[in-house]
Amino acid sequence: MYAIFKVPDEKKGKIDEILKDDLVSRQSIIVRDASALSMESKETFVLVEGADEAIKKAEELFEEVGEKLAGSEAEEIYNKIKEKEDDAAGGMGLLFG
C-alpha cells in the first residue's frame, strides 16, 4: 500500500517533522521536488509505501501540511517517482557494474 502527498513549497519545511514519526519513519519514503519529476509546478511530493496502519498515520500527519493524491493523479506521480528511481539505480549499476 502507498500514499502520495503533495506539499506546497511554503510548507516544505514541515515534511521532516512528519517523517520523524516512529511508525511512519520505518516505511519506504521517497521525497521529490516537482522539478525533479520534470514538472513545472512548485510542490514537493512525498511517497510513503508500507503497512496500512503507517499509511493511515501518515495521512493524519500530512492532513494539515499537504494534500493526499488519489486516482489517476496519484498513479501518474507514483509512476514518475518509480521511473526516476529505476533510472538512478541503472546509472549506479553502470558506474559500479
PDB file of N, CA and C in Angstrom:
ATOM      1  N   MET A   1       0.844  -1.180   0.000  1.00  0.00           N
ATOM      2  CA  MET A   1       0.000   0.000   0.000  1.00  0.00           C
ATOM      3  C   MET A   1       0.887   1.240   0.000  1.00  0.00           C
ATOM      4  N   TYR A   2       0.404   2.277  -0.660  1.00  0.00           N
ATOM      5  CA  TYR A   2       1.158   3.522  -0.683  1.00  0.00           C
ATOM      6  C   TYR A   2       0.218   4.722  -0.668  1.00  0.00           C
ATOM      7  N   ALA A   3       0.799   5.875  -0.334  1.00  0.00           N
ATOM      8  CA  ALA A   3       0.089   7.141  -0.421  1.00  0.00           C
ATOM      9  C   ALA A   3       1.081   8.178  -0.912  1.00  0.00           C
ATOM     10  N   ILE A   4       0.589   9.119  -1.692  1.00  0.00           N
ATOM     11  CA  ILE A   4       1.416  10.216  -2.179  1.00  0.00           C
ATOM     12  C   ILE A   4       0.786  11.517  -1.707  1.00  0.00           C
ATOM     13  N   PHE A   5       1.649  12.357  -1.141  1.00  0.00           N
ATOM     14  CA  PHE A   5       1.197  13.640  -0.622  1.00  0.00           C
ATOM     15  C   PHE A   5       1.865  14.763  -1.398  1.00  0.00           C
ATOM     16  N   LYS A   6       1.081  15.782  -1.726  1.00  0.00           N
ATOM     17  CA  LYS A   6       1.591  16.964  -2.422  1.00  0.00           C
ATOM     18  C   LYS A   6       1.664  18.081  -1.391  1.00  0.00           C
ATOM     19  N   VAL A   7       2.880  18.589  -1.190  1.00  0.00           N
ATOM     20  CA  VAL A   7       3.108  19.618  -0.183  1.00  0.00           C
ATOM     21  C   VAL A   7       3.565  20.893  -0.882  1.00  0.00           C
ATOM     22  N   PRO A   8       2.860  22.016  -0.650  1.00  0.00           N
ATOM     23  CA  PRO A   8       3.278  23.273  -1.271  1.00  0.00           C
ATOM     24  C   PRO A   8       4.620  23.744  -0.709  1.00  0.00           C
ATOM     25  N   ASP A   9       5.349  24.514  -1.499  1.00  0.00           N
ATOM     26  CA  ASP A   9       6.683  24.965  -1.102  1.00  0.00           C
ATOM     27  C   ASP A   9       6.714  25.661   0.256  1.00  0.00           C
ATOM     28  N   GLU A  10       5.690  26.445   0.552  1.00  0.00           N
ATOM     29  CA  GLU A  10       5.693  27.188   1.816  1.00  0.00           C
ATOM     30  C   GLU A  10       5.581  26.288   3.048  1.00  0.00           C
ATOM     31  N   LYS A  11       5.189  25.041   2.869  1.00  0.00           N
ATOM     32  CA  LYS A  11       5.081  24.101   3.993  1.00  0.00           C
ATOM     33  C   LYS A  11       6.102  22.970   3.906  1.00  0.00           C
ATOM     34  N   LYS A  12       7.025  23.086   2.975  1.00  0.00           N
ATOM     35  CA  LYS A  12       8.022  22.048   2.720  1.00  0.00           C
ATOM     36  C   LYS A  12       8.846  21.715   3.969  1.00  0.00           C
ATOM     37  N   GLY A  13       9.133  22.705   4.797  1.00  0.00           N
ATOM     38  CA  GLY A  13       9.931  22.503   5.998  1.00  0.00           C
ATOM     39  C   GLY A  13       9.296  21.565   7.012  1.00  0.00           C
ATOM     40  N   LYS A  14       7.997  21.364   6.920  1.00  0.00           N
ATOM     41  CA  LYS A  14       7.303  20.500   7.881  1.00  0.00           C
ATOM     42  C   LYS A  14       7.399  19.017   7.523  1.00  0.00           C
ATOM     43  N   ILE A  15       7.877  18.719   6.331  1.00  0.00           N
ATOM     44  CA  ILE A  15       7.975  17.320   5.888  1.00  0.00           C
ATOM     45  C   ILE A  15       8.887  16.531   6.819  1.00  0.00           C
ATOM     46  N   ASP A  16      10.045  17.085   7.138  1.00  0.00           N
ATOM     47  CA  ASP A  16      10.991  16.373   8.002  1.00  0.00           C
ATOM     48  C   ASP A  16      10.389  16.057   9.369  1.00  0.00           C
ATOM     49  N   GLU A  17       9.626  16.990   9.925  1.00  0.00           N
ATOM     50  CA  GLU A  17       8.972  16.754  11.222  1.00  0.00           C
ATOM     51  C   GLU A  17       8.041  15.540  11.142  1.00  0.00           C
ATOM     52  N   ILE A  18       7.256  15.481  10.086  1.00  0.00           N
ATOM     53  CA  ILE A  18       6.300  14.393   9.917  1.00  0.00           C
ATOM     54  C   ILE A  18       7.024  13.057   9.749  1.00  0.00           C
ATOM     55  N   LEU A  19       8.085  13.065   8.972  1.00  0.00           N
ATOM     56  CA  LEU A  19       8.797  11.824   8.682  1.00  0.00           C
ATOM     57  C   LEU A  19       9.609  11.312   9.869  1.00  0.00           C
ATOM     58  N   LYS A  20       9.673  12.088  10.953  1.00  0.00           N
ATOM     59  CA  LYS A  20      10.347  11.628  12.169  1.00  0.00           C
ATOM     60  C   LYS A  20       9.433  10.755  13.031  1.00  0.00           C
ATOM     61  N   ASP A  21       8.152  10.709  12.698  1.00  0.00           N
ATOM     62  CA  ASP A  21       7.221   9.861  13.442  1.00  0.00           C
ATOM     63  C   ASP A  21       7.733   8.421  13.411  1.00  0.00           C
ATOM     64  N   ASP A  22       7.720   7.766  14.561  1.00  0.00           N
ATOM     65  CA  ASP A  22       8.306   6.430  14.682  1.00  0.00           C
ATOM     66  C   ASP A  22       7.708   5.439  13.695  1.00  0.00           C
ATOM     67  N   LEU A  23       6.398   5.397  13.588  1.00  0.00           N
ATOM     68  CA  LEU A  23       5.734   4.429  12.710  1.00  0.00           C
ATOM     69  C   LEU A  23       5.983   4.762  11.238  1.00  0.00           C
ATOM     70  N   VAL A  24       5.818   6.015  10.891  1.00  0.00           N
ATOM     71  CA  VAL A  24       5.977   6.440   9.500  1.00  0.00           C
ATOM     72  C   VAL A  24       7.430   6.294   9.050  1.00  0.00           C
ATOM     73  N   SER A  25       8.367   6.611   9.921  1.00  0.00           N
ATOM     74  CA  SER A  25       9.788   6.591   9.545  1.00  0.00           C
ATOM     75  C   SER A  25      10.299   5.199   9.203  1.00  0.00           C
ATOM     76  N   ARG A  26       9.592   4.168   9.623  1.00  0.00           N
ATOM     77  CA  ARG A  26      10.021   2.796   9.335  1.00  0.00           C
ATOM     78  C   ARG A  26       9.492   2.269   7.996  1.00  0.00           C
ATOM     79  N   GLN A  27       8.852   3.135   7.223  1.00  0.00           N
ATOM     80  CA  GLN A  27       8.312   2.755   5.917  1.00  0.00           C
ATOM     81  C   GLN A  27       9.286   3.193   4.826  1.00  0.00           C
ATOM     82  N   SER A  28       8.995   2.797   3.616  1.00  0.00           N
ATOM     83  CA  SER A  28       9.779   3.251   2.473  1.00  0.00           C
ATOM     84  C   SER A  28       9.270   4.643   2.100  1.00  0.00           C
ATOM     85  N   ILE A  29      10.178   5.623   2.125  1.00  0.00           N
ATOM     86  CA  ILE A  29       9.784   7.007   1.895  1.00  0.00           C
ATOM     87  C   ILE A  29      10.673   7.615   0.812  1.00  0.00           C
ATOM     88  N   ILE A  30      10.046   8.269  -0.139  1.00  0.00           N
ATOM     89  CA  ILE A  30      10.776   8.986  -1.185  1.00  0.00           C
ATOM     90  C   ILE A  30      10.194  10.396  -1.256  1.00  0.00           C
ATOM     91  N   VAL A  31      11.068  11.391  -1.186  1.00  0.00           N
ATOM     92  CA  VAL A  31      10.661  12.795  -1.269  1.00  0.00           C
ATOM     93  C   VAL A  31      11.279  13.377  -2.533  1.00  0.00           C
ATOM     94  N   ARG A  32      10.452  13.976  -3.392  1.00  0.00           N
ATOM     95  CA  ARG A  32      10.939  14.552  -4.649  1.00  0.00           C
ATOM     96  C   ARG A  32      10.269  15.892  -4.917  1.00  0.00           C
ATOM     97  N   ASP A  33      11.067  16.859  -5.328  1.00  0.00           N
ATOM     98  CA  ASP A  33      10.518  18.126  -5.810  1.00  0.00           C
ATOM     99  C   ASP A  33       9.874  17.879  -7.162  1.00  0.00           C
ATOM    100  N   ALA A  34       8.875  18.665  -7.473  1.00  0.00           N
ATOM    101  CA  ALA A  34       8.193  18.522  -8.763  1.00  0.00           C
ATOM    102  C   ALA A  34       9.176  18.684  -9.917  1.00  0.00           C
ATOM    103  N   SER A  35      10.130  19.588  -9.765  1.00  0.00           N
ATOM    104  CA  SER A  35      11.098  19.813 -10.842  1.00  0.00           C
ATOM    105  C   SER A  35      11.934  18.564 -11.119  1.00  0.00           C
ATOM    106  N   ALA A  36      12.207  17.752 -10.109  1.00  0.00           N
ATOM    107  CA  ALA A  36      12.966  16.511 -10.284  1.00  0.00           C
ATOM    108  C   ALA A  36      12.156  15.469 -11.055  1.00  0.00           C
ATOM    109  N   LEU A  37      10.854  15.678 -11.126  1.00  0.00           N
ATOM    110  CA  LEU A  37       9.974  14.767 -11.861  1.00  0.00           C
ATOM    111  C   LEU A  37       9.569  15.362 -13.211  1.00  0.00           C
ATOM    112  N   SER A  38      10.340  16.353 -13.654  1.00  0.00           N
ATOM    113  CA  SER A  38      10.101  17.030 -14.938  1.00  0.00           C
ATOM    114  C   SER A  38       8.753  17.738 -14.966  1.00  0.00           C
ATOM    115  N   MET A  39       8.393  18.326 -13.839  1.00  0.00           N
ATOM    116  CA  MET A  39       7.147  19.077 -13.738  1.00  0.00           C
ATOM    117  C   MET A  39       7.494  20.534 -13.445  1.00  0.00           C
ATOM    118  N   GLU A  40       6.653  21.439 -13.884  1.00  0.00           N
ATOM    119  CA  GLU A  40       6.934  22.860 -13.703  1.00  0.00           C
ATOM    120  C   GLU A  40       6.328  23.435 -12.434  1.00  0.00           C
ATOM    121  N   SER A  41       5.550  22.673 -11.706  1.00  0.00           N
ATOM    122  CA  SER A  41       4.894  23.191 -10.506  1.00  0.00           C
ATOM    123  C   SER A  41       5.905  23.362  -9.373  1.00  0.00           C
ATOM    124  N   LYS A  42       5.474  24.004  -8.308  1.00  0.00           N
ATOM    125  CA  LYS A  42       6.343  24.325  -7.174  1.00  0.00           C
ATOM    126  C   LYS A  42       5.920  23.553  -5.928  1.00  0.00           C
ATOM    127  N   GLU A  43       5.826  22.256  -6.036  1.00  0.00           N
ATOM    128  CA  GLU A  43       5.452  21.428  -4.895  1.00  0.00           C
ATOM    129  C   GLU A  43       6.510  20.375  -4.655  1.00  0.00           C
ATOM    130  N   THR A  44       6.348  19.719  -3.527  1.00  0.00           N
ATOM    131  CA  THR A  44       7.165  18.556  -3.210  1.00  0.00           C
ATOM    132  C   THR A  44       6.215  17.383  -3.042  1.00  0.00           C
ATOM    133  N   PHE A  45       6.610  16.237  -3.576  1.00  0.00           N
ATOM    134  CA  PHE A  45       5.806  15.033  -3.458  1.00  0.00           C
ATOM    135  C   PHE A  45       6.484  14.068  -2.500  1.00  0.00           C
ATOM    136  N   VAL A  46       5.681  13.466  -1.625  1.00  0.00           N
ATOM    137  CA  VAL A  46       6.191  12.500  -0.660  1.00  0.00           C
ATOM    138  C   VAL A  46       5.456  11.185  -0.892  1.00  0.00           C
ATOM    139  N   LEU A  47       6.217  10.147  -1.212  1.00  0.00           N
ATOM    140  CA  LEU A  47       5.669   8.808  -1.395  1.00  0.00           C
ATOM    141  C   LEU A  47       5.979   8.009  -0.143  1.00  0.00           C
ATOM    142  N   VAL A  48       4.944   7.472   0.483  1.00  0.00           N
ATOM    143  CA  VAL A  48       5.106   6.603   1.643  1.00  0.00           C
ATOM    144  C   VAL A  48       4.527   5.246   1.264  1.00  0.00           C
ATOM    145  N   GLU A  49       5.372   4.217   1.264  1.00  0.00           N
ATOM    146  CA  GLU A  49       4.948   2.852   0.953  1.00  0.00           C
ATOM    147  C   GLU A  49       5.178   1.990   2.175  1.00  0.00           C
ATOM    148  N   GLY A  50       4.180   1.172   2.511  1.00  0.00           N
ATOM    149  CA  GLY A  50       4.363   0.278   3.644  1.00  0.00           C
ATOM    150  C   GLY A  50       3.060  -0.248   4.202  1.00  0.00           C
ATOM    151  N   ALA A  51       3.073  -0.468   5.503  1.00  0.00           N
ATOM    152  CA  ALA A  51       1.936  -1.065   6.204  1.00  0.00           C
ATOM    153  C   ALA A  51       0.734  -0.123   6.228  1.00  0.00           C
ATOM    154  N   ASP A  52      -0.458  -0.707   6.203  1.00  0.00           N
ATOM    155  CA  ASP A  52      -1.700   0.070   6.207  1.00  0.00           C
ATOM    156  C   ASP A  52      -1.759   1.051   7.369  1.00  0.00           C
ATOM    157  N   GLU A  53      -1.406   0.597   8.565  1.00  0.00           N
ATOM    158  CA  GLU A  53      -1.511   1.473   9.739  1.00  0.00           C
ATOM    159  C   GLU A  53      -0.543   2.647   9.637  1.00  0.00           C
ATOM    160  N   ALA A  54       0.614   2.434   9.034  1.00  0.00           N
ATOM    161  CA  ALA A  54       1.581   3.519   8.851  1.00  0.00           C
ATOM    162  C   ALA A  54       1.091   4.525   7.819  1.00  0.00           C
ATOM    163  N   ILE A  55       0.444   4.036   6.783  1.00  0.00           N
ATOM    164  CA  ILE A  55      -0.117   4.930   5.763  1.00  0.00           C
ATOM    165  C   ILE A  55      -1.212   5.787   6.382  1.00  0.00           C
ATOM    166  N   LYS A  56      -2.051   5.185   7.201  1.00  0.00           N
ATOM    167  CA  LYS A  56      -3.115   5.948   7.871  1.00  0.00           C
ATOM    168  C   LYS A  56      -2.531   7.015   8.781  1.00  0.00           C
ATOM    169  N   LYS A  57      -1.461   6.676   9.481  1.00  0.00           N
ATOM    170  CA  LYS A  57      -0.796   7.641  10.363  1.00  0.00           C
ATOM    171  C   LYS A  57      -0.214   8.784   9.530  1.00  0.00           C
ATOM    172  N   ALA A  58       0.418   8.456   8.398  1.00  0.00           N
ATOM    173  CA  ALA A  58       0.963   9.485   7.509  1.00  0.00           C
ATOM    174  C   ALA A  58      -0.152  10.395   6.992  1.00  0.00           C
ATOM    175  N   GLU A  59      -1.293   9.813   6.659  1.00  0.00           N
ATOM    176  CA  GLU A  59      -2.433  10.610   6.195  1.00  0.00           C
ATOM    177  C   GLU A  59      -2.847  11.619   7.249  1.00  0.00           C
ATOM    178  N   GLU A  60      -2.909  11.185   8.502  1.00  0.00           N
ATOM    179  CA  GLU A  60      -3.271  12.089   9.601  1.00  0.00           C
ATOM    180  C   GLU A  60      -2.249  13.213   9.738  1.00  0.00           C
ATOM    181  N   LEU A  61      -0.967  12.858   9.689  1.00  0.00           N
ATOM    182  CA  LEU A  61       0.088  13.838   9.889  1.00  0.00           C
ATOM    183  C   LEU A  61       0.191  14.844   8.735  1.00  0.00           C
ATOM    184  N   PHE A  62      -0.038  14.391   7.526  1.00  0.00           N
ATOM    185  CA  PHE A  62       0.053  15.276   6.363  1.00  0.00           C
ATOM    186  C   PHE A  62      -1.220  16.083   6.133  1.00  0.00           C
ATOM    187  N   GLU A  63      -2.273  15.782   6.864  1.00  0.00           N
ATOM    188  CA  GLU A  63      -3.571  16.423   6.651  1.00  0.00           C
ATOM    189  C   GLU A  63      -3.492  17.956   6.644  1.00  0.00           C
ATOM    190  N   GLU A  64      -2.727  18.534   7.580  1.00  0.00           N
ATOM    191  CA  GLU A  64      -2.657  19.992   7.679  1.00  0.00           C
ATOM    192  C   GLU A  64      -1.526  20.587   6.847  1.00  0.00           C
ATOM    193  N   VAL A  65      -0.674  19.739   6.305  1.00  0.00           N
ATOM    194  CA  VAL A  65       0.511  20.211   5.590  1.00  0.00           C
ATOM    195  C   VAL A  65       0.330  20.147   4.080  1.00  0.00           C
ATOM    196  N   GLY A  66      -0.331  19.111   3.624  1.00  0.00           N
ATOM    197  CA  GLY A  66      -0.465  18.920   2.183  1.00  0.00           C
ATOM    198  C   GLY A  66      -1.736  18.193   1.825  1.00  0.00           C
ATOM    199  N   GLU A  67      -1.753  17.719   0.622  1.00  0.00           N
ATOM    200  CA  GLU A  67      -2.934  17.054   0.080  1.00  0.00           C
ATOM    201  C   GLU A  67      -2.556  15.635  -0.337  1.00  0.00           C
ATOM    202  N   LYS A  68      -3.393  14.677   0.040  1.00  0.00           N
ATOM    203  CA  LYS A  68      -3.174  13.301  -0.404  1.00  0.00           C
ATOM    204  C   LYS A  68      -3.739  13.174  -1.815  1.00  0.00           C
ATOM    205  N   LEU A  69      -2.912  12.673  -2.708  1.00  0.00           N
ATOM    206  CA  LEU A  69      -3.352  12.491  -4.087  1.00  0.00           C
ATOM    207  C   LEU A  69      -4.116  11.174  -4.212  1.00  0.00           C
ATOM    208  N   ALA A  70      -5.034  11.141  -5.149  1.00  0.00           N
ATOM    209  CA  ALA A  70      -5.842   9.933  -5.358  1.00  0.00           C
ATOM    210  C   ALA A  70      -6.024   9.695  -6.843  1.00  0.00           C
ATOM    211  N   GLY A  71      -6.462   8.506  -7.158  1.00  0.00           N
ATOM    212  CA  GLY A  71      -6.820   8.150  -8.528  1.00  0.00           C
ATOM    213  C   GLY A  71      -5.684   8.259  -9.518  1.00  0.00           C
ATOM    214  N   SER A  72      -6.010   8.757 -10.708  1.00  0.00           N
ATOM    215  CA  SER A  72      -5.022   8.809 -11.795  1.00  0.00           C
ATOM    216  C   SER A  72      -3.884   9.775 -11.492  1.00  0.00           C
ATOM    217  N   GLU A  73      -4.164  10.834 -10.735  1.00  0.00           N
ATOM    218  CA  GLU A  73      -3.098  11.781 -10.376  1.00  0.00           C
ATOM    219  C   GLU A  73      -2.049  11.101  -9.492  1.00  0.00           C
ATOM    220  N   ALA A  74      -2.507  10.335  -8.497  1.00  0.00           N
ATOM    221  CA  ALA A  74      -1.586   9.603  -7.628  1.00  0.00           C
ATOM    222  C   ALA A  74      -0.795   8.572  -8.429  1.00  0.00           C
ATOM    223  N   GLU A  75      -1.466   7.872  -9.319  1.00  0.00           N
ATOM    224  CA  GLU A  75      -0.805   6.847 -10.134  1.00  0.00           C
ATOM    225  C   GLU A  75       0.249   7.462 -11.045  1.00  0.00           C
ATOM    226  N   GLU A  76      -0.060   8.617 -11.627  1.00  0.00           N
ATOM    227  CA  GLU A  76       0.886   9.296 -12.506  1.00  0.00           C
ATOM    228  C   GLU A  76       2.158   9.705 -11.745  1.00  0.00           C
ATOM    229  N   ILE A  77       1.992  10.295 -10.574  1.00  0.00           N
ATOM    230  CA  ILE A  77       3.146  10.721  -9.773  1.00  0.00           C
ATOM    231  C   ILE A  77       3.920   9.503  -9.284  1.00  0.00           C
ATOM    232  N   TYR A  78       3.216   8.463  -8.856  1.00  0.00           N
ATOM    233  CA  TYR A  78       3.877   7.225  -8.408  1.00  0.00           C
ATOM    234  C   TYR A  78       4.761   6.669  -9.530  1.00  0.00           C
ATOM    235  N   ASN A  79       4.226   6.609 -10.727  1.00  0.00           N
ATOM    236  CA  ASN A  79       4.983   6.082 -11.864  1.00  0.00           C
ATOM    237  C   ASN A  79       6.202   6.943 -12.187  1.00  0.00           C
ATOM    238  N   LYS A  80       6.051   8.267 -12.096  1.00  0.00           N
ATOM    239  CA  LYS A  80       7.183   9.156 -12.352  1.00  0.00           C
ATOM    240  C   LYS A  80       8.281   8.960 -11.303  1.00  0.00           C
ATOM    241  N   ILE A  81       7.881   8.852 -10.049  1.00  0.00           N
ATOM    242  CA  ILE A  81       8.865   8.652  -8.973  1.00  0.00           C
ATOM    243  C   ILE A  81       9.599   7.330  -9.181  1.00  0.00           C
ATOM    244  N   LYS A  82       8.863   6.269  -9.443  1.00  0.00           N
ATOM    245  CA  LYS A  82       9.474   4.953  -9.631  1.00  0.00           C
ATOM    246  C   LYS A  82      10.372   4.922 -10.872  1.00  0.00           C
ATOM    247  N   GLU A  83       9.969   5.613 -11.915  1.00  0.00           N
ATOM    248  CA  GLU A  83      10.782   5.673 -13.131  1.00  0.00           C
ATOM    249  C   GLU A  83      12.122   6.362 -12.835  1.00  0.00           C
ATOM    250  N   LYS A  84      12.077   7.456 -12.089  1.00  0.00           N
ATOM    251  CA  LYS A  84      13.309   8.167 -11.733  1.00  0.00           C
ATOM    252  C   LYS A  84      14.191   7.309 -10.826  1.00  0.00           C
ATOM    253  N   GLU A  85      13.581   6.561  -9.925  1.00  0.00           N
ATOM    254  CA  GLU A  85      14.339   5.670  -9.043  1.00  0.00           C
ATOM    255  C   GLU A  85      15.021   4.571  -9.851  1.00  0.00           C
ATOM    256  N   ASP A  86      14.299   4.007 -10.809  1.00  0.00           N
ATOM    257  CA  ASP A  86      14.869   2.960 -11.664  1.00  0.00           C
ATOM    258  C   ASP A  86      16.023   3.505 -12.509  1.00  0.00           C
ATOM    259  N   ASP A  87      15.849   4.741 -13.023  1.00  0.00           N
ATOM    260  CA  ASP A  87      16.916   5.361 -13.802  1.00  0.00           C
ATOM    261  C   ASP A  87      18.162   5.562 -12.955  1.00  0.00           C
ATOM    262  N   ALA A  88      17.977   6.004 -11.725  1.00  0.00           N
ATOM    263  CA  ALA A  88      19.100   6.230 -10.816  1.00  0.00           C
ATOM    264  C   ALA A  88      19.792   4.920 -10.481  1.00  0.00           C
ATOM    265  N   ALA A  89      19.022   3.876 -10.233  1.00  0.00           N
ATOM    266  CA  ALA A  89      19.594   2.571  -9.910  1.00  0.00           C
ATOM    267  C   ALA A  89      20.364   2.019 -11.110  1.00  0.00           C
ATOM    268  N   GLY A  90      19.838   2.218 -12.294  1.00  0.00           N
ATOM    269  CA  GLY A  90      20.521   1.758 -13.504  1.00  0.00           C
ATOM    270  C   GLY A  90      21.825   2.497 -13.714  1.00  0.00           C
ATOM    271  N   GLY A  91      21.837   3.782 -13.426  1.00  0.00           N
ATOM    272  CA  GLY A  91      23.049   4.584 -13.542  1.00  0.00           C
ATOM    273  C   GLY A  91      24.120   4.128 -12.583  1.00  0.00           C
ATOM    274  N   MET A  92      23.729   3.764 -11.372  1.00  0.00           N
ATOM    275  CA  MET A  92      24.692   3.262 -10.381  1.00  0.00           C
ATOM    276  C   MET A  92      25.273   1.934 -10.839  1.00  0.00           C
ATOM    277  N   GLY A  93      24.449   1.126 -11.483  1.00  0.00           N
ATOM    278  CA  GLY A  93      24.922  -0.164 -11.987  1.00  0.00           C
ATOM    279  C   GLY A  93      25.990   0.019 -13.053  1.00  0.00           C
ATOM    280  N   LEU A  94      25.813   1.056 -13.889  1.00  0.00           N
ATOM    281  CA  LEU A  94      26.809   1.336 -14.914  1.00  0.00           C
ATOM    282  C   LEU A  94      28.126   1.801 -14.314  1.00  0.00           C
ATOM    283  N   LEU A  95      28.033   2.568 -13.230  1.00  0.00           N
ATOM    284  CA  LEU A  95      29.244   3.068 -12.573  1.00  0.00           C
ATOM    285  C   LEU A  95      30.015   1.967 -11.855  1.00  0.00           C
ATOM    286  N   PHE A  96      29.277   1.099 -11.176  1.00  0.00           N
ATOM    287  CA  PHE A  96      29.918   0.102 -10.326  1.00  0.00           C
ATOM    288  C   PHE A  96      29.868  -1.314 -10.885  1.00  0.00           C
ATOM    289  N   GLY A  97      29.107  -1.500 -11.969  1.00  0.00           N
ATOM    290  CA  GLY A  97      28.896  -2.823 -12.518  1.00  0.00           C
ATOM    291  C   GLY A  97      30.091  -3.313 -13.232  1.00  0.00           C
TER     292      GLY A  97
END
